[in-house]
Amino acid sequence: MSDHLARARELLAAHPVADGHNDLPWALRQQVRYDLDRRDIATDQSADLHTDLPRLRAGGVGAQFWSVYVRTDMAGDEAVSATLEQVDAVRQLAARYPADLRLAFTADDMEAARAEGRIASLMGAEGGHSINSSLATLRALHRLGVRYMTLTHNDNVPWADSATDAPAAGGLTAFGEEVVREMNRLGMLVDLSHVSADTMRDALRVGEAPVIFSHSSARAVCDHPRNVPDDVLAALPANGGVAMATFVPKFILPEAVAWTRAADENMRAHGLHHLDTTAEAMAVHRAFEATNPRPLATTSTVADHLDHMREIAGIDHIGIGGDFDGTAFTPSDLPDVSGYPNLIAELLRRGWSEGDLAKLTWKNAVRVLRAAESVAAATTRGPSNATRESLDG
């Protein structure tokens, strides 16, 4: 074992990873419809998943925002119901594995879980379609424990533009701004991954609390719309927010962008969704890869993004959001949730201090949630009963 890797593991024992985004609940829904006997994450699930408890422990993970994502082709009440099922899945996991997982709703809960040697399990809703343009539904998700909402996923919502859809609102509509204000009032983090740059800027202008990017990297390093432009990164110190670098190769490695586009088209040609990670879908991917070698990202690729993000936003405003179990492909030396020590070792090789790494892995995530809680505690306004129709016409 290299000295850097040994130091990385020691550091993670003291300052574990608080990861911003993991799609295990969706993978469990898609693969086994939440049958936890068939995907018992107390045992090795590497044949089917990026995530299980032994690998979380090996990776030095101390807190995980579990995504309660549902697909954007689920609309209206169907999307709300599916999101509730995802929330229930996270609660089932915490109840089934109480020695390893502890439900967490506050920054204090995160610290308590770490002190107990358990993994703090938080929830984030991935996409504003999950609230069906209803602030009451947003409040209900918060009461159930959801502590961030990504304003969009890959498609626009009626009140906010996505990074990967044709602009419609020009950022946030008036109702979208009210969603941000209501999230601030609740203490729910506004997550700006997946949203357009104009939506990012609007949310920063309107919001009173720090934002997060739960799984986005630097657009200056890889020019993909899912990444964060430098002007937005530069605005994070004034906002107090945190941008959590993701590991998804098509977002971080320029050579992988065109390859992924072709691979996605191949999936659709076989009648499969491009985000499908079932055994059937992965067989199609592997056949494509056999004749079209895939460009490989590494920890060095991720570290290039983190170096840039630290330079522009500052060490207090960056974190990690791997997106495991939400992507078909991962960097060669970050294959699953056990790989975080390899990334920390690479950053140590680049001269990052242990104090800076402690902020990256743990302290910034705890601070940003605590700051959102403080804004909520200080607010004096009551719940908003505005509707999209009343504000947007």
Protein backbone atom coordinates (compact mmCIF):
# COMPACT_ATOMS: atom_id res chain seq x y z
CA MET A 1 0.00 0.00 0.00
CA SER A 2 1.39 3.41 -0.94
CA ASP A 3 2.01 6.01 1.77
CA HIS A 4 -0.57 8.27 0.14
CA LEU A 5 -3.25 5.58 0.18
CA ALA A 6 -2.49 4.72 3.82
CA ARG A 7 -2.74 8.41 4.75
CA ALA A 8 -5.97 8.71 2.78
CA ARG A 9 -7.55 5.90 4.77
CA GLU A 10 -6.40 7.43 8.05
CA LEU A 11 -7.88 10.77 7.04
CA LEU A 12 -11.20 9.21 6.06
CA ALA A 13 -11.39 7.44 9.42
CA ALA A 14 -11.40 10.87 11.05
CA HIS A 15 -13.19 12.87 8.34
CA PRO A 16 -15.31 10.45 6.30
CA VAL A 17 -16.90 11.22 2.97
CA ALA A 18 -20.27 12.97 3.05
CA ASP A 19 -21.35 12.16 -0.50
CA GLY A 20 -23.98 14.33 -2.15
CA HIS A 21 -25.64 11.83 -4.45
CA ASN A 22 -26.15 8.08 -4.74
CA ASP A 23 -28.95 6.44 -6.76
CA LEU A 24 -29.12 3.13 -4.89
CA PRO A 25 -32.88 3.51 -4.18
CA TRP A 26 -33.66 3.78 -7.89
CA ALA A 27 -31.41 0.81 -8.69
CA LEU A 28 -33.25 -1.23 -6.05
CA ARG A 29 -36.59 -0.20 -7.55
CA GLN A 30 -35.51 -0.96 -11.10
CA GLN A 31 -33.76 -4.25 -10.41
CA VAL A 32 -35.83 -5.93 -7.69
CA ARG A 33 -38.74 -3.60 -6.87
CA TYR A 34 -37.27 -2.99 -3.40
CA ASP A 35 -36.99 -6.69 -2.54
CA LEU A 36 -34.14 -6.26 -0.08
CA ASP A 37 -33.75 -10.00 0.36
CA ARG A 38 -32.69 -10.20 -3.29
CA ARG A 39 -30.29 -7.27 -2.94
CA ASP A 40 -29.07 -7.64 0.62
CA ILE A 41 -26.57 -4.79 0.83
CA ALA A 42 -25.04 -6.27 3.98
CA THR A 43 -23.33 -8.63 1.55
CA ASP A 44 -21.27 -8.12 -1.60
CA GLN A 45 -23.52 -6.80 -4.39
CA SER A 46 -20.74 -5.90 -6.83
CA ALA A 47 -22.28 -8.00 -9.60
CA ASP A 48 -25.31 -5.70 -9.71
CA LEU A 49 -24.66 -2.49 -7.76
CA HIS A 50 -21.98 0.10 -7.06
CA THR A 51 -23.12 0.23 -3.44
CA ASP A 52 -23.29 -2.10 -0.47
CA LEU A 53 -22.41 -1.75 3.20
CA PRO A 54 -18.99 -3.47 3.09
CA ARG A 55 -17.89 -1.22 0.23
CA LEU A 56 -19.29 1.90 1.89
CA ARG A 57 -17.17 1.02 4.92
CA ALA A 58 -14.12 0.32 2.76
CA GLY A 59 -14.62 3.65 1.01
CA GLY A 60 -14.70 5.65 4.22
CA VAL A 61 -18.24 6.94 3.71
CA GLY A 62 -19.73 8.57 6.80
CA ALA A 63 -22.79 10.26 5.30
CA GLN A 64 -24.78 9.67 2.15
CA PHE A 65 -27.48 11.72 0.51
CA TRP A 66 -29.58 8.97 -1.03
CA SER A 67 -31.34 10.24 -4.14
CA VAL A 68 -35.09 9.62 -4.11
CA TYR A 69 -35.09 10.22 -7.87
CA VAL A 70 -37.89 9.23 -10.23
CA ARG A 71 -37.81 9.44 -14.03
CA THR A 72 -39.07 12.59 -15.71
CA ASP A 73 -41.49 10.62 -17.88
CA MET A 74 -43.34 10.08 -14.61
CA ALA A 75 -45.49 13.18 -14.34
CA GLY A 76 -48.11 14.65 -12.03
CA ASP A 77 -49.37 12.44 -9.22
CA GLU A 78 -47.49 9.42 -10.61
CA ALA A 79 -44.20 11.23 -10.00
CA VAL A 80 -45.26 12.19 -6.47
CA SER A 81 -46.29 8.62 -5.61
CA ALA A 82 -43.07 7.17 -7.01
CA THR A 83 -41.05 9.68 -5.00
CA LEU A 84 -42.87 8.60 -1.84
CA GLU A 85 -42.00 4.99 -2.65
CA GLN A 86 -38.36 6.02 -2.98
CA VAL A 87 -38.48 7.77 0.41
CA ASP A 88 -39.99 4.61 1.86
CA ALA A 89 -37.14 2.56 0.37
CA VAL A 90 -34.53 4.67 2.17
CA ARG A 91 -36.44 4.30 5.42
CA GLN A 92 -36.64 0.54 4.86
CA LEU A 93 -32.87 0.40 4.38
CA ALA A 94 -32.23 2.34 7.60
CA ALA A 95 -34.64 0.11 9.54
CA ARG A 96 -33.12 -3.09 8.13
CA TYR A 97 -29.49 -2.13 8.84
CA PRO A 98 -29.60 -0.07 12.06
CA ALA A 99 -26.05 -0.96 13.07
CA ASP A 100 -24.73 0.65 9.89
CA LEU A 101 -27.24 3.29 8.79
CA ARG A 102 -28.85 6.09 10.77
CA LEU A 103 -31.51 8.35 9.28
CA ALA A 104 -30.28 11.93 9.44
CA PHE A 105 -32.29 15.13 9.06
CA THR A 106 -29.93 17.76 10.50
CA ALA A 107 -26.24 18.60 10.67
CA ASP A 108 -26.29 17.48 14.30
CA ASP A 109 -27.68 14.12 13.16
CA MET A 110 -24.76 13.78 10.76
CA GLU A 111 -22.26 14.40 13.54
CA ALA A 112 -24.09 12.03 15.89
CA ALA A 113 -24.03 9.25 13.30
CA ARG A 114 -20.30 9.74 12.82
CA ALA A 115 -19.74 9.59 16.59
CA GLU A 116 -21.68 6.31 16.69
CA GLY A 117 -19.74 4.83 13.78
CA ARG A 118 -22.85 4.72 11.60
CA ILE A 119 -23.45 6.15 8.13
CA ALA A 120 -25.73 9.17 8.22
CA SER A 121 -28.51 8.55 5.69
CA LEU A 122 -30.04 11.70 4.25
CA MET A 123 -32.40 12.10 1.31
CA GLY A 124 -32.49 14.35 -1.72
CA ALA A 125 -35.27 14.54 -4.31
CA GLU A 126 -33.84 14.73 -7.82
CA GLY A 127 -36.09 16.90 -9.94
CA GLY A 128 -38.86 19.41 -9.34
CA HIS A 129 -41.31 17.11 -11.15
CA SER A 130 -41.44 15.24 -7.83
CA ILE A 131 -43.59 18.00 -6.30
CA ASN A 132 -45.97 18.41 -9.26
CA SER A 133 -45.79 22.23 -8.97
CA SER A 134 -47.20 22.09 -5.43
CA LEU A 135 -45.60 23.87 -2.50
CA ALA A 136 -47.68 21.77 -0.10
CA THR A 137 -46.14 18.64 -1.64
CA LEU A 138 -42.69 20.22 -1.19
CA ARG A 139 -43.48 20.74 2.49
CA ALA A 140 -44.71 17.16 2.82
CA LEU A 141 -41.43 15.83 1.39
CA HIS A 142 -39.53 17.96 3.88
CA ARG A 143 -41.60 16.55 6.76
CA LEU A 144 -40.72 13.05 5.52
CA GLY A 145 -37.04 13.91 5.78
CA VAL A 146 -36.04 15.08 2.29
CA ARG A 147 -33.30 17.67 2.81
CA TYR A 148 -32.55 18.81 -0.71
CA MET A 149 -34.39 19.05 -3.99
CA THR A 150 -32.69 19.28 -7.36
CA LEU A 151 -34.82 21.85 -9.18
CA THR A 152 -34.85 19.85 -12.43
CA HIS A 153 -33.57 16.58 -13.79
CA ASN A 154 -32.75 16.13 -17.49
CA ASP A 155 -35.96 17.82 -18.67
CA ASN A 156 -37.46 21.20 -17.90
CA VAL A 157 -40.18 21.55 -15.31
CA PRO A 158 -42.88 24.19 -15.92
CA TRP A 159 -41.07 26.65 -13.64
CA ALA A 160 -37.35 25.97 -14.23
CA ASP A 161 -35.03 25.18 -17.14
CA SER A 162 -32.83 22.08 -17.21
CA ALA A 163 -29.25 22.04 -18.46
CA THR A 164 -30.10 19.36 -21.02
CA ASP A 165 -33.40 20.63 -22.45
CA ALA A 166 -34.28 23.53 -24.76
CA PRO A 167 -34.66 26.76 -22.74
CA ALA A 168 -38.29 27.61 -22.04
CA ALA A 169 -38.48 29.74 -18.89
CA GLY A 170 -35.14 31.51 -19.30
CA GLY A 171 -34.12 30.26 -15.87
CA LEU A 172 -36.70 30.38 -13.06
CA THR A 173 -40.26 31.62 -13.50
CA ALA A 174 -41.97 33.61 -10.74
CA PHE A 175 -43.27 30.34 -9.30
CA GLY A 176 -39.77 28.85 -9.53
CA GLU A 177 -38.48 31.74 -7.46
CA GLU A 178 -41.24 31.03 -4.91
CA VAL A 179 -40.10 27.38 -4.77
CA VAL A 180 -36.59 28.57 -3.87
CA ARG A 181 -37.95 30.92 -1.19
CA GLU A 182 -40.11 28.16 0.30
CA MET A 183 -37.16 25.75 0.36
CA ASN A 184 -35.12 28.39 2.19
CA ARG A 185 -37.98 28.83 4.69
CA LEU A 186 -38.05 25.08 5.33
CA GLY A 187 -34.30 24.56 5.55
CA MET A 188 -34.28 22.36 2.45
CA LEU A 189 -31.13 22.80 0.36
CA VAL A 190 -31.62 24.09 -3.18
CA ASP A 191 -29.69 21.69 -5.42
CA LEU A 192 -28.55 23.19 -8.73
CA SER A 193 -27.14 20.09 -10.39
CA HIS A 194 -28.95 19.37 -13.66
CA VAL A 195 -30.28 22.92 -14.05
CA SER A 196 -29.37 25.42 -16.76
CA ALA A 197 -26.80 28.11 -16.07
CA ASP A 198 -29.55 30.73 -16.09
CA THR A 199 -31.50 28.73 -13.51
CA MET A 200 -28.35 28.56 -11.38
CA ARG A 201 -27.92 32.33 -11.57
CA ASP A 202 -31.58 33.01 -10.80
CA ALA A 203 -31.51 30.73 -7.77
CA LEU A 204 -28.40 32.45 -6.44
CA ARG A 205 -30.04 35.84 -6.95
CA VAL A 206 -33.31 34.91 -5.22
CA GLY A 207 -32.11 32.60 -2.47
CA GLU A 208 -31.23 33.56 1.08
CA ALA A 209 -29.53 30.28 2.00
CA PRO A 210 -26.49 28.44 0.63
CA VAL A 211 -27.08 26.20 -2.38
CA ILE A 212 -25.48 22.91 -3.31
CA PHE A 213 -24.58 21.15 -6.51
CA SER A 214 -25.06 17.55 -5.40
CA HIS A 215 -23.20 16.00 -8.36
CA SER A 216 -21.66 18.45 -10.85
CA SER A 217 -18.11 19.22 -11.93
CA ALA A 218 -16.36 22.14 -13.67
CA ARG A 219 -17.49 23.28 -17.11
CA ALA A 220 -14.13 24.95 -17.77
CA VAL A 221 -12.44 21.53 -17.50
CA CYS A 222 -15.09 19.58 -19.44
CA ASP A 223 -17.52 21.64 -21.49
CA HIS A 224 -20.71 19.76 -20.70
CA PRO A 225 -23.95 21.59 -19.78
CA ARG A 226 -24.27 19.43 -16.63
CA ASN A 227 -21.21 21.15 -15.19
CA VAL A 228 -20.87 24.47 -13.37
CA PRO A 229 -19.59 27.58 -15.21
CA ASP A 230 -16.80 29.56 -13.60
CA ASP A 231 -18.96 32.64 -12.90
CA VAL A 232 -21.31 30.46 -10.84
CA LEU A 233 -18.44 28.77 -9.01
CA ALA A 234 -17.04 32.22 -8.26
CA ALA A 235 -20.38 33.25 -6.73
CA LEU A 236 -20.36 30.43 -4.17
CA PRO A 237 -18.25 32.17 -1.50
CA ALA A 238 -20.77 35.01 -1.22
CA ASN A 239 -23.63 32.50 -1.16
CA GLY A 240 -21.93 30.00 1.15
CA GLY A 241 -22.79 27.07 -1.10
CA VAL A 242 -20.94 23.87 -1.98
CA ALA A 243 -20.31 22.30 -5.42
CA MET A 244 -19.83 18.54 -5.14
CA ALA A 245 -17.74 17.08 -7.95
CA THR A 246 -19.19 14.07 -9.71
CA PHE A 247 -17.38 11.05 -11.17
CA VAL A 248 -19.59 10.36 -14.23
CA PRO A 249 -17.12 10.01 -17.14
CA LYS A 250 -19.35 11.71 -19.72
CA PHE A 251 -19.43 14.84 -17.53
CA ILE A 252 -15.74 14.98 -16.62
CA LEU A 253 -13.74 13.59 -19.56
CA PRO A 254 -14.06 15.53 -22.84
CA GLU A 255 -13.24 12.44 -24.91
CA ALA A 256 -16.12 10.56 -23.26
CA VAL A 257 -18.79 13.06 -24.29
CA ALA A 258 -19.02 12.01 -27.97
CA TRP A 259 -18.58 8.33 -27.09
CA THR A 260 -21.45 8.47 -24.62
CA ARG A 261 -23.71 10.19 -27.14
CA ALA A 262 -23.12 7.30 -29.55
CA ALA A 263 -23.60 4.71 -26.80
CA ASP A 264 -26.89 6.34 -25.76
CA GLU A 265 -28.13 6.29 -29.35
CA ASN A 266 -27.24 2.60 -29.51
CA MET A 267 -29.31 1.97 -26.39
CA ARG A 268 -32.32 3.75 -27.85
CA ALA A 269 -31.91 1.78 -31.09
CA HIS A 270 -32.33 -1.37 -28.97
CA GLY A 271 -35.51 0.01 -27.39
CA LEU A 272 -33.83 0.78 -24.06
CA HIS A 273 -33.63 3.96 -21.99
CA HIS A 274 -30.14 5.42 -22.09
CA LEU A 275 -29.98 5.51 -18.26
CA ASP A 276 -31.00 1.85 -17.90
CA THR A 277 -28.49 -0.19 -15.88
CA THR A 278 -30.32 -3.53 -15.81
CA ALA A 279 -28.46 -6.68 -16.88
CA GLU A 280 -30.08 -6.51 -20.32
CA ALA A 281 -29.02 -2.91 -20.81
CA MET A 282 -25.47 -3.49 -19.61
CA ALA A 283 -25.12 -6.41 -22.06
CA VAL A 284 -26.03 -3.99 -24.87
CA HIS A 285 -23.49 -1.49 -23.52
CA ARG A 286 -20.76 -4.14 -23.35
CA ALA A 287 -21.42 -5.26 -26.92
CA PHE A 288 -21.14 -1.65 -28.10
CA GLU A 289 -17.96 -1.14 -26.10
CA ALA A 290 -16.38 -4.25 -27.60
CA THR A 291 -16.27 -2.57 -31.00
CA ASN A 292 -16.08 1.04 -29.77
CA PRO A 293 -13.46 1.25 -26.99
CA ARG A 294 -14.59 3.54 -24.20
CA PRO A 295 -12.37 6.47 -23.13
CA LEU A 296 -11.47 5.89 -19.49
CA ALA A 297 -11.67 8.51 -16.78
CA THR A 298 -9.51 8.12 -13.66
CA THR A 299 -9.05 9.70 -10.25
CA SER A 300 -6.72 12.12 -11.99
CA THR A 301 -9.62 13.27 -14.20
CA VAL A 302 -11.75 13.97 -11.11
CA ALA A 303 -8.81 15.64 -9.35
CA ASP A 304 -8.37 18.01 -12.31
CA HIS A 305 -11.95 19.20 -11.73
CA LEU A 306 -11.43 19.53 -7.99
CA ASP A 307 -8.21 21.51 -8.49
CA HIS A 308 -10.07 23.94 -10.73
CA MET A 309 -13.12 24.16 -8.46
CA ARG A 310 -10.89 24.88 -5.47
CA GLU A 311 -9.09 27.61 -7.42
CA ILE A 312 -12.32 29.35 -8.48
CA ALA A 313 -14.71 28.73 -5.56
CA GLY A 314 -12.28 28.16 -2.70
CA ILE A 315 -11.71 25.18 -0.45
CA ASP A 316 -14.76 25.95 1.72
CA HIS A 317 -17.13 25.53 -1.21
CA ILE A 318 -16.39 22.13 -2.75
CA GLY A 319 -17.35 18.56 -1.97
CA ILE A 320 -17.94 15.13 -3.50
CA GLY A 321 -21.05 13.69 -5.15
CA GLY A 322 -20.12 10.51 -6.96
CA ASP A 323 -23.50 9.57 -8.55
CA PHE A 324 -22.86 5.87 -7.99
CA ASP A 325 -25.67 3.55 -9.13
CA GLY A 326 -26.92 6.42 -11.30
CA THR A 327 -24.46 5.84 -14.12
CA ALA A 328 -23.52 2.88 -16.27
CA PHE A 329 -19.82 3.76 -16.25
CA THR A 330 -17.35 4.95 -13.63
CA PRO A 331 -13.67 5.96 -13.61
CA SER A 332 -11.31 2.99 -13.77
CA ASP A 333 -9.99 3.49 -10.22
CA LEU A 334 -13.29 4.77 -8.78
CA PRO A 335 -15.36 1.74 -9.74
CA ASP A 336 -17.78 1.91 -6.81
CA VAL A 337 -18.22 3.40 -3.34
CA SER A 338 -15.07 1.68 -2.09
CA GLY A 339 -12.94 3.90 -4.31
CA TYR A 340 -12.90 7.21 -2.40
CA PRO A 341 -9.50 6.50 -0.76
CA ASN A 342 -7.97 6.38 -4.25
CA LEU A 343 -9.24 9.89 -4.96
CA ILE A 344 -8.01 11.24 -1.64
CA ALA A 345 -4.62 9.63 -2.27
CA GLU A 346 -4.43 11.36 -5.66
CA LEU A 347 -5.20 14.72 -4.04
CA LEU A 348 -2.54 14.08 -1.39
CA ARG A 349 -0.07 13.38 -4.20
CA ARG A 350 -1.02 16.78 -5.64
CA GLY A 351 -0.18 18.50 -2.38
CA TRP A 352 -3.62 19.00 -0.85
CA SER A 353 -3.34 19.43 2.90
CA GLU A 354 -5.17 17.17 5.32
CA GLY A 355 -7.08 20.22 6.58
CA ASP A 356 -8.30 21.00 3.08
CA LEU A 357 -9.25 17.36 2.49
CA ALA A 358 -11.24 17.28 5.72
CA LYS A 359 -13.30 20.18 4.39
CA LEU A 360 -13.77 18.46 1.04
CA THR A 361 -14.90 15.16 2.48
CA TRP A 362 -16.94 16.10 5.55
CA LYS A 363 -16.86 19.60 6.98
CA ASN A 364 -18.29 21.54 4.03
CA ALA A 365 -21.31 19.25 3.69
CA VAL A 366 -22.12 19.52 7.39
CA ARG A 367 -21.64 23.29 7.34
CA VAL A 368 -23.93 23.90 4.35
CA LEU A 369 -26.78 21.90 5.88
CA ARG A 370 -26.34 23.71 9.20
CA ALA A 371 -26.39 27.05 7.40
CA ALA A 372 -29.66 26.17 5.66
CA GLU A 373 -31.12 25.21 9.02
CA SER A 374 -30.03 28.57 10.47
CA VAL A 375 -31.72 30.51 7.68
CA ALA A 376 -34.91 28.54 8.25
CA ALA A 377 -34.78 29.13 12.01
CA ALA A 378 -34.45 32.88 11.49
CA THR A 379 -37.28 33.25 8.97
CA THR A 380 -40.52 34.85 10.15
CA ARG A 381 -42.80 34.31 7.16
CA GLY A 382 -45.36 31.54 7.07
CA PRO A 383 -45.93 28.82 4.48
CA SER A 384 -46.58 29.99 0.92
CA ASN A 385 -49.84 28.86 -0.66
CA ALA A 386 -49.01 30.35 -4.05
CA THR A 387 -49.73 28.25 -7.13
CA ARG A 388 -48.01 28.15 -10.47
CA GLU A 389 -51.18 29.47 -12.08
CA SER A 390 -51.36 32.41 -9.69
CA LEU A 391 -47.75 33.46 -10.26
CA ASP A 392 -47.02 32.37 -13.83
CA GLY A 393 -50.47 32.68 -15.37
